[in-house]
Amino acid sequence: MKELVLKKCNKCGALVKVLEEGSGKYICCGEEMQTVVANSVDAAFEKHVPTYEKVGDNIHIKVNHVMEEDHYIEWILVKTEHENKEVILRPNDTPEMTVPYEKGALIYAYCNKHGLWKTVVE
């Protein structure tokens, strides 16, 4: 399964989800945007990596993270072979979602301070 590709501007913080990566560069604020790599920031793994529980034909996803005004999970995205399902979150929301179970699905969570985190559905 293809990984989610994100590009981030180091100046303004703009974040771009790439649907199909070409050979060109992604430019923002006059500089090349950097590829965001999941689980690569030095931060508490257990507070950022999404977890899931299989419930019937679904999985219930949670991120054990604070949801404060200045530090929160911005979104959770589940990528399967056929589609992406995403929930956009705001401070004080509960960082959870439920989707149909699909072995091999990729679950991503994005923290506004610590970037991209990922787990694979077994």
Protein backbone atom coordinates (compact mmCIF):
# COMPACT_ATOMS: atom_id res chain seq x y z
CA MET A 1 0.00 0.00 0.00
CA LYS A 2 1.23 3.47 -0.84
CA GLU A 3 2.18 5.63 2.13
CA LEU A 4 0.61 9.01 2.76
CA VAL A 5 2.94 11.73 1.45
CA LEU A 6 2.97 15.09 3.25
CA LYS A 7 5.06 18.14 2.44
CA LYS A 8 5.58 20.94 4.97
CA CYS A 9 6.86 24.50 4.65
CA ASN A 10 9.45 25.23 7.32
CA LYS A 11 8.69 28.95 7.18
CA CYS A 12 4.90 29.27 7.39
CA GLY A 13 3.93 25.73 8.44
CA ALA A 14 1.73 25.05 5.39
CA LEU A 15 1.02 21.33 5.00
CA VAL A 16 0.22 19.65 1.67
CA LYS A 17 -1.16 16.12 1.22
CA VAL A 18 0.23 14.79 -2.06
CA LEU A 19 -2.20 12.63 -4.02
CA GLU A 20 0.21 11.62 -6.79
CA GLU A 21 3.86 12.55 -6.46
CA GLY A 22 5.48 13.86 -9.62
CA SER A 23 9.09 14.69 -10.37
CA GLY A 24 8.81 18.40 -9.57
CA LYS A 25 9.55 20.27 -6.36
CA TYR A 26 6.97 21.64 -3.95
CA ILE A 27 7.77 25.29 -3.24
CA CYS A 28 6.32 27.52 -0.52
CA CYS A 29 7.61 30.86 0.83
CA GLY A 30 10.37 30.65 -1.79
CA GLU A 31 11.80 27.40 -0.40
CA GLU A 32 11.39 23.70 -1.15
CA MET A 33 8.87 22.01 1.13
CA GLN A 34 10.17 19.11 3.23
CA THR A 35 8.72 15.59 3.32
CA VAL A 36 7.10 14.78 6.68
CA VAL A 37 8.20 11.37 7.99
CA ALA A 38 5.87 9.52 10.39
CA ASN A 39 7.11 8.62 13.88
CA SER A 40 10.35 10.58 13.42
CA VAL A 41 10.00 13.39 15.96
CA ASP A 42 11.54 13.02 19.41
CA ALA A 43 8.30 13.02 21.44
CA ALA A 44 6.32 10.63 23.63
CA PHE A 45 5.51 7.68 21.37
CA GLU A 46 2.62 6.47 23.57
CA LYS A 47 0.88 9.88 23.40
CA HIS A 48 1.02 10.24 19.64
CA VAL A 49 0.81 6.89 17.87
CA PRO A 50 -2.81 6.03 17.10
CA THR A 51 -4.12 2.82 18.64
CA TYR A 52 -7.13 0.77 17.58
CA GLU A 53 -9.43 -1.94 18.81
CA LYS A 54 -11.32 -4.31 16.52
CA VAL A 55 -15.05 -4.17 17.32
CA GLY A 56 -17.07 -6.47 15.09
CA ASP A 57 -16.39 -5.49 11.47
CA ASN A 58 -14.95 -2.10 12.50
CA ILE A 59 -11.94 -0.67 14.23
CA HIS A 60 -12.25 2.06 16.84
CA ILE A 61 -9.24 4.37 16.71
CA LYS A 62 -7.96 6.52 19.59
CA VAL A 63 -5.00 8.80 20.17
CA ASN A 64 -3.98 9.13 23.84
CA HIS A 65 -3.20 12.84 23.53
CA VAL A 66 -4.16 16.14 25.15
CA MET A 67 -6.54 18.33 23.16
CA GLU A 68 -5.57 21.77 24.45
CA GLU A 69 -5.71 25.09 22.60
CA ASP A 70 -1.96 25.11 21.89
CA HIS A 71 -1.30 21.35 21.64
CA TYR A 72 -3.66 18.87 20.01
CA ILE A 73 -4.21 16.23 17.32
CA GLU A 74 -5.32 18.10 14.19
CA TRP A 75 -6.59 15.08 12.26
CA ILE A 76 -6.73 11.31 12.04
CA LEU A 77 -6.62 9.66 8.61
CA VAL A 78 -7.10 6.01 7.70
CA LYS A 79 -5.63 5.00 4.33
CA THR A 80 -6.77 1.75 2.66
CA GLU A 81 -6.21 0.37 -0.83
CA HIS A 82 -9.43 2.00 -2.04
CA GLU A 83 -10.04 5.14 0.00
CA ASN A 84 -9.00 7.52 2.73
CA LYS A 85 -11.23 8.37 5.67
CA GLU A 86 -10.38 11.39 7.76
CA VAL A 87 -11.67 13.27 10.76
CA ILE A 88 -10.62 16.88 11.38
CA LEU A 89 -10.22 17.74 15.06
CA ARG A 90 -10.11 20.92 17.14
CA PRO A 91 -9.03 21.61 20.73
CA ASN A 92 -11.37 19.95 23.26
CA ASP A 93 -12.55 17.34 20.69
CA THR A 94 -12.04 13.65 21.44
CA PRO A 95 -9.34 12.23 19.13
CA GLU A 96 -11.24 9.11 18.04
CA MET A 97 -12.93 7.67 14.98
CA THR A 98 -14.47 4.37 13.84
CA VAL A 99 -14.00 2.86 10.38
CA PRO A 100 -14.51 -0.55 8.75
CA TYR A 101 -11.75 -3.07 9.52
CA GLU A 102 -9.24 -3.67 6.75
CA LYS A 103 -6.04 -5.55 7.43
CA GLY A 104 -3.01 -3.52 6.35
CA ALA A 105 -4.78 -0.17 6.57
CA LEU A 106 -2.52 2.70 7.62
CA ILE A 107 -3.68 4.94 10.46
CA TYR A 108 -2.14 8.40 10.71
CA ALA A 109 -2.51 11.08 13.38
CA TYR A 110 -1.10 14.61 13.05
CA CYS A 111 -0.07 16.58 16.16
CA ASN A 112 0.20 20.34 15.69
CA LYS A 113 3.51 20.35 17.63
CA HIS A 114 5.04 16.93 17.00
CA GLY A 115 4.00 16.09 13.46
CA LEU A 116 2.92 12.83 11.85
CA TRP A 117 2.43 9.47 13.62
CA LYS A 118 1.41 6.14 12.11
CA THR A 119 0.36 2.60 12.93
CA VAL A 120 -0.59 -0.36 10.72
CA VAL A 121 -3.77 -2.39 11.21
CA GLU A 122 -2.95 -6.07 11.80
